[in-house]
């Protein structure tokens, strides 16, 4: 017959556990480093892309979508996504 084992937790002996071991200065420096990294490698290029795209105006930007090359690129992207998404879903479910 199986016996159940009851554990008694004595709350008087429990000590609080620190959730972080780094000093406040170290945490602030790591956060600042992460923000600088995001600024240089994400926000700056994104800002430059939008600046160049809208340099001659919003109308010129929108008219660039109706060129044959742009329409072909959009069509190819949609076809690729229509094939890749179901296949990734199928293989992901099969792997799970």
PDB file of N, CA and C in Angstrom:
ATOM      1  N   UNK A   1       0.827  -1.154   0.000  1.00  0.00           N
ATOM      2  CA  UNK A   1       0.000   0.000   0.000  1.00  0.00           C
ATOM      3  C   UNK A   1       0.889   1.242   0.000  1.00  0.00           C
ATOM      4  N   UNK A   2       0.549   2.191  -0.771  1.00  0.00           N
ATOM      5  CA  UNK A   2       1.363   3.399  -0.884  1.00  0.00           C
ATOM      6  C   UNK A   2       1.089   4.323   0.289  1.00  0.00           C
ATOM      7  N   UNK A   3       2.152   4.866   0.814  1.00  0.00           N
ATOM      8  CA  UNK A   3       2.003   5.819   1.908  1.00  0.00           C
ATOM      9  C   UNK A   3       2.199   7.227   1.364  1.00  0.00           C
ATOM     10  N   UNK A   4       1.446   8.152   1.875  1.00  0.00           N
ATOM     11  CA  UNK A   4       1.629   9.545   1.483  1.00  0.00           C
ATOM     12  C   UNK A   4       2.548  10.212   2.478  1.00  0.00           C
ATOM     13  N   UNK A   5       3.426  10.996   1.956  1.00  0.00           N
ATOM     14  CA  UNK A   5       4.400  11.689   2.792  1.00  0.00           C
ATOM     15  C   UNK A   5       4.001  13.149   2.864  1.00  0.00           C
ATOM     16  N   UNK A   6       3.851  13.641   4.051  1.00  0.00           N
ATOM     17  CA  UNK A   6       3.478  15.044   4.248  1.00  0.00           C
ATOM     18  C   UNK A   6       4.726  15.826   4.641  1.00  0.00           C
ATOM     19  N   UNK A   7       4.952  16.911   3.952  1.00  0.00           N
ATOM     20  CA  UNK A   7       6.086  17.765   4.267  1.00  0.00           C
ATOM     21  C   UNK A   7       5.598  18.961   5.071  1.00  0.00           C
ATOM     22  N   UNK A   8       6.300  19.249   6.127  1.00  0.00           N
ATOM     23  CA  UNK A   8       5.937  20.397   6.936  1.00  0.00           C
ATOM     24  C   UNK A   8       6.931  21.510   6.666  1.00  0.00           C
ATOM     25  N   UNK A   9       6.436  22.653   6.260  1.00  0.00           N
ATOM     26  CA  UNK A   9       7.295  23.794   5.998  1.00  0.00           C
ATOM     27  C   UNK A   9       7.290  24.694   7.211  1.00  0.00           C
ATOM     28  N   UNK A  10       8.450  24.926   7.734  1.00  0.00           N
ATOM     29  CA  UNK A  10       8.567  25.796   8.904  1.00  0.00           C
ATOM     30  C   UNK A  10       8.846  27.200   8.412  1.00  0.00           C
ATOM     31  N   UNK A  11       7.878  28.085   8.534  1.00  0.00           N
ATOM     32  CA  UNK A  11       8.021  29.438   7.996  1.00  0.00           C
ATOM     33  C   UNK A  11       8.995  30.284   8.799  1.00  0.00           C
ATOM     34  N   UNK A  12       9.306  29.894  10.013  1.00  0.00           N
ATOM     35  CA  UNK A  12      10.231  30.695  10.814  1.00  0.00           C
ATOM     36  C   UNK A  12      11.664  30.553  10.317  1.00  0.00           C
ATOM     37  N   UNK A  13      11.980  29.478   9.608  1.00  0.00           N
ATOM     38  CA  UNK A  13      13.340  29.262   9.116  1.00  0.00           C
ATOM     39  C   UNK A  13      13.527  29.706   7.672  1.00  0.00           C
ATOM     40  N   UNK A  14      12.460  30.113   7.035  1.00  0.00           N
ATOM     41  CA  UNK A  14      12.555  30.526   5.637  1.00  0.00           C
ATOM     42  C   UNK A  14      13.253  31.874   5.537  1.00  0.00           C
ATOM     43  N   UNK A  15      14.165  31.968   4.599  1.00  0.00           N
ATOM     44  CA  UNK A  15      14.876  33.226   4.373  1.00  0.00           C
ATOM     45  C   UNK A  15      14.463  33.796   3.029  1.00  0.00           C
ATOM     46  N   UNK A  16      14.343  35.119   2.935  1.00  0.00           N
ATOM     47  CA  UNK A  16      14.001  35.703   1.630  1.00  0.00           C
ATOM     48  C   UNK A  16      15.148  35.503   0.642  1.00  0.00           C
ATOM     49  N   UNK A  17      14.781  35.286  -0.605  1.00  0.00           N
ATOM     50  CA  UNK A  17      15.762  35.058  -1.664  1.00  0.00           C
ATOM     51  C   UNK A  17      15.809  36.291  -2.548  1.00  0.00           C
ATOM     52  N   UNK A  18      17.012  36.772  -2.805  1.00  0.00           N
ATOM     53  CA  UNK A  18      17.155  37.923  -3.697  1.00  0.00           C
ATOM     54  C   UNK A  18      16.886  37.482  -5.122  1.00  0.00           C
ATOM     55  N   UNK A  19      16.082  38.274  -5.830  1.00  0.00           N
ATOM     56  CA  UNK A  19      15.753  37.904  -7.201  1.00  0.00           C
ATOM     57  C   UNK A  19      16.852  38.295  -8.181  1.00  0.00           C
ATOM     58  N   UNK A  20      17.717  39.189  -7.778  1.00  0.00           N
ATOM     59  CA  UNK A  20      18.825  39.571  -8.663  1.00  0.00           C
ATOM     60  C   UNK A  20      20.084  39.694  -7.829  1.00  0.00           C
ATOM     61  N   UNK A  21      21.189  39.420  -8.454  1.00  0.00           N
ATOM     62  CA  UNK A  21      22.457  39.459  -7.734  1.00  0.00           C
ATOM     63  C   UNK A  21      23.346  40.610  -8.191  1.00  0.00           C
ATOM     64  N   UNK A  22      22.931  41.308  -9.239  1.00  0.00           N
ATOM     65  CA  UNK A  22      23.735  42.411  -9.744  1.00  0.00           C
ATOM     66  C   UNK A  22      23.412  43.687  -8.968  1.00  0.00           C
ATOM     67  N   UNK A  23      24.397  44.556  -8.902  1.00  0.00           N
ATOM     68  CA  UNK A  23      24.171  45.837  -8.243  1.00  0.00           C
ATOM     69  C   UNK A  23      23.305  46.731  -9.130  1.00  0.00           C
ATOM     70  N   UNK A  24      22.797  47.797  -8.545  1.00  0.00           N
ATOM     71  CA  UNK A  24      21.951  48.723  -9.293  1.00  0.00           C
ATOM     72  C   UNK A  24      22.730  49.353 -10.448  1.00  0.00           C
ATOM     73  N   UNK A  25      23.998  49.661 -10.234  1.00  0.00           N
ATOM     74  CA  UNK A  25      24.821  50.258 -11.284  1.00  0.00           C
ATOM     75  C   UNK A  25      24.988  49.290 -12.453  1.00  0.00           C
ATOM     76  N   UNK A  26      25.239  48.032 -12.145  1.00  0.00           N
ATOM     77  CA  UNK A  26      25.398  47.027 -13.201  1.00  0.00           C
ATOM     78  C   UNK A  26      24.119  46.874 -14.004  1.00  0.00           C
ATOM     79  N   UNK A  27      22.974  46.830 -13.315  1.00  0.00           N
ATOM     80  CA  UNK A  27      21.699  46.713 -14.023  1.00  0.00           C
ATOM     81  C   UNK A  27      21.451  47.919 -14.921  1.00  0.00           C
ATOM     82  N   UNK A  28      21.745  49.109 -14.425  1.00  0.00           N
ATOM     83  CA  UNK A  28      21.547  50.312 -15.241  1.00  0.00           C
ATOM     84  C   UNK A  28      22.467  50.337 -16.448  1.00  0.00           C
ATOM     85  N   UNK A  29      23.712  49.897 -16.273  1.00  0.00           N
ATOM     86  CA  UNK A  29      24.644  49.853 -17.402  1.00  0.00           C
ATOM     87  C   UNK A  29      24.207  48.834 -18.449  1.00  0.00           C
ATOM     88  N   UNK A  30      23.711  47.690 -18.018  1.00  0.00           N
ATOM     89  CA  UNK A  30      23.226  46.690 -18.968  1.00  0.00           C
ATOM     90  C   UNK A  30      21.991  47.183 -19.721  1.00  0.00           C
ATOM     91  N   UNK A  31      21.097  47.871 -19.031  1.00  0.00           N
ATOM     92  CA  UNK A  31      19.919  48.431 -19.699  1.00  0.00           C
ATOM     93  C   UNK A  31      20.340  49.499 -20.697  1.00  0.00           C
ATOM     94  N   UNK A  32      21.287  50.356 -20.307  1.00  0.00           N
ATOM     95  CA  UNK A  32      21.769  51.387 -21.219  1.00  0.00           C
ATOM     96  C   UNK A  32      22.442  50.776 -22.438  1.00  0.00           C
ATOM     97  N   UNK A  33      23.214  49.727 -22.240  1.00  0.00           N
ATOM     98  CA  UNK A  33      23.873  49.042 -23.351  1.00  0.00           C
ATOM     99  C   UNK A  33      22.844  48.439 -24.297  1.00  0.00           C
ATOM    100  N   UNK A  34      21.801  47.840 -23.756  1.00  0.00           N
ATOM    101  CA  UNK A  34      20.748  47.264 -24.593  1.00  0.00           C
ATOM    102  C   UNK A  34      20.021  48.347 -25.384  1.00  0.00           C
ATOM    103  N   UNK A  35      19.746  49.482 -24.759  1.00  0.00           N
ATOM    104  CA  UNK A  35      19.069  50.577 -25.458  1.00  0.00           C
ATOM    105  C   UNK A  35      19.942  51.175 -26.551  1.00  0.00           C
ATOM    106  N   UNK A  36      21.238  51.300 -26.311  1.00  0.00           N
ATOM    107  CA  UNK A  36      22.152  51.797 -27.344  1.00  0.00           C
ATOM    108  C   UNK A  36      22.201  50.811 -28.506  1.00  0.00           C
ATOM    109  N   UNK A  37      22.261  49.535 -28.207  1.00  0.00           N
ATOM    110  CA  UNK A  37      22.269  48.509 -29.245  1.00  0.00           C
ATOM    111  C   UNK A  37      20.997  48.586 -30.085  1.00  0.00           C
ATOM    112  N   UNK A  38      19.839  48.683 -29.432  1.00  0.00           N
ATOM    113  CA  UNK A  38      18.572  48.807 -30.161  1.00  0.00           C
ATOM    114  C   UNK A  38      18.550  50.065 -31.014  1.00  0.00           C
ATOM    115  N   UNK A  39      19.052  51.147 -30.478  1.00  0.00           N
ATOM    116  CA  UNK A  39      19.068  52.391 -31.230  1.00  0.00           C
ATOM    117  C   UNK A  39      19.924  52.302 -32.480  1.00  0.00           C
ATOM    118  N   UNK A  40      21.099  51.712 -32.351  1.00  0.00           N
ATOM    119  CA  UNK A  40      22.019  51.643 -33.487  1.00  0.00           C
ATOM    120  C   UNK A  40      21.605  50.622 -34.539  1.00  0.00           C
ATOM    121  N   UNK A  41      21.114  49.479 -34.102  1.00  0.00           N
ATOM    122  CA  UNK A  41      20.868  48.396 -35.044  1.00  0.00           C
ATOM    123  C   UNK A  41      19.410  48.217 -35.431  1.00  0.00           C
ATOM    124  N   UNK A  42      18.492  48.912 -34.771  1.00  0.00           N
ATOM    125  CA  UNK A  42      17.090  48.777 -35.121  1.00  0.00           C
ATOM    126  C   UNK A  42      16.474  50.122 -35.486  1.00  0.00           C
ATOM    127  N   UNK A  43      16.524  51.071 -34.567  1.00  0.00           N
ATOM    128  CA  UNK A  43      15.814  52.334 -34.782  1.00  0.00           C
ATOM    129  C   UNK A  43      16.490  53.237 -35.810  1.00  0.00           C
ATOM    130  N   UNK A  44      17.801  53.327 -35.806  1.00  0.00           N
ATOM    131  CA  UNK A  44      18.501  54.178 -36.777  1.00  0.00           C
ATOM    132  C   UNK A  44      18.285  53.689 -38.212  1.00  0.00           C
ATOM    133  N   UNK A  45      18.496  52.414 -38.537  1.00  0.00           N
ATOM    134  CA  UNK A  45      18.217  51.974 -39.913  1.00  0.00           C
ATOM    135  C   UNK A  45      16.747  52.135 -40.303  1.00  0.00           C
ATOM    136  N   UNK A  46      15.841  51.873 -39.365  1.00  0.00           N
ATOM    137  CA  UNK A  46      14.422  52.031 -39.647  1.00  0.00           C
ATOM    138  C   UNK A  46      14.082  53.483 -39.952  1.00  0.00           C
ATOM    139  N   UNK A  47      14.662  54.400 -39.197  1.00  0.00           N
ATOM    140  CA  UNK A  47      14.448  55.821 -39.431  1.00  0.00           C
ATOM    141  C   UNK A  47      15.003  56.238 -40.802  1.00  0.00           C
ATOM    142  N   UNK A  48      16.169  55.715 -41.164  1.00  0.00           N
ATOM    143  CA  UNK A  48      16.756  56.056 -42.455  1.00  0.00           C
ATOM    144  C   UNK A  48      15.924  55.522 -43.617  1.00  0.00           C
ATOM    145  N   UNK A  49      15.377  54.319 -43.467  1.00  0.00           N
ATOM    146  CA  UNK A  49      14.540  53.757 -44.523  1.00  0.00           C
ATOM    147  C   UNK A  49      13.319  54.629 -44.749  1.00  0.00           C
ATOM    148  N   UNK A  50      12.640  55.012 -43.681  1.00  0.00           N
ATOM    149  CA  UNK A  50      11.462  55.856 -43.836  1.00  0.00           C
ATOM    150  C   UNK A  50      11.823  57.250 -44.335  1.00  0.00           C
ATOM    151  N   UNK A  51      12.965  57.772 -43.930  1.00  0.00           N
ATOM    152  CA  UNK A  51      13.387  59.094 -44.410  1.00  0.00           C
ATOM    153  C   UNK A  51      13.613  59.068 -45.919  1.00  0.00           C
ATOM    154  N   UNK A  52      14.316  58.045 -46.402  1.00  0.00           N
ATOM    155  CA  UNK A  52      14.557  57.942 -47.844  1.00  0.00           C
ATOM    156  C   UNK A  52      13.280  57.629 -48.621  1.00  0.00           C
ATOM    157  N   UNK A  53      12.389  56.844 -48.015  1.00  0.00           N
ATOM    158  CA  UNK A  53      11.162  56.477 -48.715  1.00  0.00           C
ATOM    159  C   UNK A  53      10.242  57.680 -48.907  1.00  0.00           C
ATOM    160  N   UNK A  54      10.174  58.544 -47.914  1.00  0.00           N
ATOM    161  CA  UNK A  54       9.262  59.694 -47.983  1.00  0.00           C
ATOM    162  C   UNK A  54       9.965  60.988 -48.397  1.00  0.00           C
ATOM    163  N   UNK A  55      11.186  60.889 -48.905  1.00  0.00           N
ATOM    164  CA  UNK A  55      11.953  62.084 -49.247  1.00  0.00           C
ATOM    165  C   UNK A  55      11.241  62.955 -50.283  1.00  0.00           C
ATOM    166  N   UNK A  56      10.649  62.347 -51.298  1.00  0.00           N
ATOM    167  CA  UNK A  56      10.010  63.123 -52.364  1.00  0.00           C
ATOM    168  C   UNK A  56       8.505  63.273 -52.171  1.00  0.00           C
ATOM    169  N   UNK A  57       7.994  62.787 -51.051  1.00  0.00           N
ATOM    170  CA  UNK A  57       6.582  62.950 -50.757  1.00  0.00           C
ATOM    171  C   UNK A  57       5.853  61.632 -50.665  1.00  0.00           C
ATOM    172  N   UNK A  58       4.705  61.677 -50.003  1.00  0.00           N
ATOM    173  CA  UNK A  58       3.920  60.477 -49.775  1.00  0.00           C
ATOM    174  C   UNK A  58       3.287  59.954 -51.067  1.00  0.00           C
ATOM    175  N   UNK A  59       2.916  60.860 -51.979  1.00  0.00           N
ATOM    176  CA  UNK A  59       2.308  60.451 -53.243  1.00  0.00           C
ATOM    177  C   UNK A  59       3.257  59.660 -54.110  1.00  0.00           C
ATOM    178  N   UNK A  60       4.498  60.093 -54.179  1.00  0.00           N
ATOM    179  CA  UNK A  60       5.521  59.363 -54.948  1.00  0.00           C
ATOM    180  C   UNK A  60       5.753  57.988 -54.317  1.00  0.00           C
ATOM    181  N   UNK A  61       5.755  57.952 -52.990  1.00  0.00           N
ATOM    182  CA  UNK A  61       5.940  56.681 -52.280  1.00  0.00           C
ATOM    183  C   UNK A  61       4.822  55.704 -52.640  1.00  0.00           C
ATOM    184  N   UNK A  62       3.583  56.169 -52.607  1.00  0.00           N
ATOM    185  CA  UNK A  62       2.457  55.295 -52.936  1.00  0.00           C
ATOM    186  C   UNK A  62       2.451  54.876 -54.402  1.00  0.00           C
ATOM    187  N   UNK A  63       2.862  55.771 -55.283  1.00  0.00           N
ATOM    188  CA  UNK A  63       2.871  55.424 -56.710  1.00  0.00           C
ATOM    189  C   UNK A  63       3.933  54.382 -57.045  1.00  0.00           C
ATOM    190  N   UNK A  64       4.918  54.217 -56.193  1.00  0.00           N
ATOM    191  CA  UNK A  64       5.948  53.212 -56.450  1.00  0.00           C
ATOM    192  C   UNK A  64       5.407  51.793 -56.298  1.00  0.00           C
ATOM    193  N   UNK A  65       4.262  51.628 -55.657  1.00  0.00           N
ATOM    194  CA  UNK A  65       3.690  50.291 -55.480  1.00  0.00           C
ATOM    195  C   UNK A  65       2.999  49.771 -56.729  1.00  0.00           C
ATOM    196  N   UNK A  66       2.727  50.614 -57.706  1.00  0.00           N
ATOM    197  CA  UNK A  66       2.008  50.149 -58.890  1.00  0.00           C
ATOM    198  C   UNK A  66       2.928  49.896 -60.076  1.00  0.00           C
ATOM    199  N   UNK A  67       4.226  49.972 -59.873  1.00  0.00           N
ATOM    200  CA  UNK A  67       5.152  49.632 -60.956  1.00  0.00           C
ATOM    201  C   UNK A  67       5.143  48.124 -61.160  1.00  0.00           C
ATOM    202  N   UNK A  68       5.429  47.644 -62.365  1.00  0.00           N
ATOM    203  CA  UNK A  68       5.414  46.198 -62.619  1.00  0.00           C
ATOM    204  C   UNK A  68       6.389  45.407 -61.735  1.00  0.00           C
ATOM    205  N   UNK A  69       7.559  45.977 -61.476  1.00  0.00           N
ATOM    206  CA  UNK A  69       8.525  45.275 -60.625  1.00  0.00           C
ATOM    207  C   UNK A  69       8.006  45.138 -59.198  1.00  0.00           C
ATOM    208  N   UNK A  70       7.404  46.192 -58.675  1.00  0.00           N
ATOM    209  CA  UNK A  70       6.871  46.147 -57.309  1.00  0.00           C
ATOM    210  C   UNK A  70       5.720  45.159 -57.214  1.00  0.00           C
ATOM    211  N   UNK A  71       4.833  45.174 -58.203  1.00  0.00           N
ATOM    212  CA  UNK A  71       3.711  44.233 -58.187  1.00  0.00           C
ATOM    213  C   UNK A  71       4.195  42.789 -58.272  1.00  0.00           C
ATOM    214  N   UNK A  72       5.225  42.548 -59.068  1.00  0.00           N
ATOM    215  CA  UNK A  72       5.796  41.208 -59.175  1.00  0.00           C
ATOM    216  C   UNK A  72       6.427  40.777 -57.848  1.00  0.00           C
ATOM    217  N   UNK A  73       7.132  41.689 -57.201  1.00  0.00           N
ATOM    218  CA  UNK A  73       7.752  41.370 -55.912  1.00  0.00           C
ATOM    219  C   UNK A  73       6.695  41.099 -54.843  1.00  0.00           C
ATOM    220  N   UNK A  74       5.624  41.870 -54.835  1.00  0.00           N
ATOM    221  CA  UNK A  74       4.541  41.654 -53.871  1.00  0.00           C
ATOM    222  C   UNK A  74       3.871  40.308 -54.126  1.00  0.00           C
ATOM    223  N   UNK A  75       3.609  40.002 -55.392  1.00  0.00           N
ATOM    224  CA  UNK A  75       2.986  38.726 -55.741  1.00  0.00           C
ATOM    225  C   UNK A  75       3.879  37.554 -55.312  1.00  0.00           C
ATOM    226  N   UNK A  76       5.167  37.636 -55.581  1.00  0.00           N
ATOM    227  CA  UNK A  76       6.089  36.575 -55.197  1.00  0.00           C
ATOM    228  C   UNK A  76       6.140  36.404 -53.679  1.00  0.00           C
ATOM    229  N   UNK A  77       6.130  37.500 -52.950  1.00  0.00           N
ATOM    230  CA  UNK A  77       6.135  37.425 -51.484  1.00  0.00           C
ATOM    231  C   UNK A  77       4.883  36.755 -50.959  1.00  0.00           C
ATOM    232  N   UNK A  78       3.729  37.086 -51.523  1.00  0.00           N
ATOM    233  CA  UNK A  78       2.470  36.489 -51.078  1.00  0.00           C
ATOM    234  C   UNK A  78       2.404  34.997 -51.406  1.00  0.00           C
ATOM    235  N   UNK A  79       2.890  34.615 -52.585  1.00  0.00           N
ATOM    236  CA  UNK A  79       2.908  33.192 -52.951  1.00  0.00           C
ATOM    237  C   UNK A  79       3.844  32.416 -52.022  1.00  0.00           C
ATOM    238  N   UNK A  80       5.005  32.984 -51.751  1.00  0.00           N
ATOM    239  CA  UNK A  80       5.956  32.328 -50.856  1.00  0.00           C
ATOM    240  C   UNK A  80       5.373  32.165 -49.458  1.00  0.00           C
ATOM    241  N   UNK A  81       4.721  33.201 -48.952  1.00  0.00           N
ATOM    242  CA  UNK A  81       4.100  33.120 -47.627  1.00  0.00           C
ATOM    243  C   UNK A  81       2.958  32.104 -47.620  1.00  0.00           C
ATOM    244  N   UNK A  82       2.196  32.058 -48.704  1.00  0.00           N
ATOM    245  CA  UNK A  82       1.079  31.111 -48.782  1.00  0.00           C
ATOM    246  C   UNK A  82       1.564  29.665 -48.786  1.00  0.00           C
ATOM    247  N   UNK A  83       2.766  29.424 -49.238  1.00  0.00           N
ATOM    248  CA  UNK A  83       3.335  28.075 -49.223  1.00  0.00           C
ATOM    249  C   UNK A  83       4.049  27.802 -47.897  1.00  0.00           C
ATOM    250  N   UNK A  84       4.824  28.764 -47.426  1.00  0.00           N
ATOM    251  CA  UNK A  84       5.669  28.548 -46.249  1.00  0.00           C
ATOM    252  C   UNK A  84       4.867  28.439 -44.950  1.00  0.00           C
ATOM    253  N   UNK A  85       3.833  29.243 -44.784  1.00  0.00           N
ATOM    254  CA  UNK A  85       3.087  29.235 -43.520  1.00  0.00           C
ATOM    255  C   UNK A  85       2.400  27.893 -43.271  1.00  0.00           C
ATOM    256  N   UNK A  86       1.663  27.343 -44.228  1.00  0.00           N
ATOM    257  CA  UNK A  86       1.061  26.023 -43.960  1.00  0.00           C
ATOM    258  C   UNK A  86       2.096  24.920 -43.745  1.00  0.00           C
ATOM    259  N   UNK A  87       3.189  24.963 -44.487  1.00  0.00           N
ATOM    260  CA  UNK A  87       4.218  23.937 -44.300  1.00  0.00           C
ATOM    261  C   UNK A  87       4.874  24.053 -42.924  1.00  0.00           C
ATOM    262  N   UNK A  88       5.175  25.277 -42.489  1.00  0.00           N
ATOM    263  CA  UNK A  88       5.746  25.463 -41.156  1.00  0.00           C
ATOM    264  C   UNK A  88       4.769  25.012 -40.080  1.00  0.00           C
ATOM    265  N   UNK A  89       3.485  25.298 -40.278  1.00  0.00           N
ATOM    266  CA  UNK A  89       2.479  24.850 -39.321  1.00  0.00           C
ATOM    267  C   UNK A  89       2.411  23.330 -39.284  1.00  0.00           C
ATOM    268  N   UNK A  90       2.406  22.698 -40.425  1.00  0.00           N
ATOM    269  CA  UNK A  90       2.337  21.240 -40.508  1.00  0.00           C
ATOM    270  C   UNK A  90       3.536  20.584 -39.836  1.00  0.00           C
ATOM    271  N   UNK A  91       4.730  21.052 -40.177  1.00  0.00           N
ATOM    272  CA  UNK A  91       5.923  20.454 -39.589  1.00  0.00           C
ATOM    273  C   UNK A  91       6.048  20.794 -38.104  1.00  0.00           C
ATOM    274  N   UNK A  92       5.600  21.975 -37.691  1.00  0.00           N
ATOM    275  CA  UNK A  92       5.634  22.327 -36.271  1.00  0.00           C
ATOM    276  C   UNK A  92       4.710  21.461 -35.459  1.00  0.00           C
ATOM    277  N   UNK A  93       3.514  21.202 -35.961  1.00  0.00           N
ATOM    278  CA  UNK A  93       2.580  20.318 -35.261  1.00  0.00           C
ATOM    279  C   UNK A  93       3.105  18.891 -35.256  1.00  0.00           C
ATOM    280  N   UNK A  94       3.709  18.469 -36.357  1.00  0.00           N
ATOM    281  CA  UNK A  94       4.265  17.117 -36.411  1.00  0.00           C
ATOM    282  C   UNK A  94       5.434  16.955 -35.429  1.00  0.00           C
ATOM    283  N   UNK A  95       6.220  17.997 -35.267  1.00  0.00           N
ATOM    284  CA  UNK A  95       7.365  17.917 -34.347  1.00  0.00           C
ATOM    285  C   UNK A  95       6.921  17.945 -32.887  1.00  0.00           C
ATOM    286  N   UNK A  96       5.786  18.569 -32.622  1.00  0.00           N
ATOM    287  CA  UNK A  96       5.294  18.646 -31.245  1.00  0.00           C
ATOM    288  C   UNK A  96       4.742  17.302 -30.857  1.00  0.00           C
TER     289      UNK A  96
END
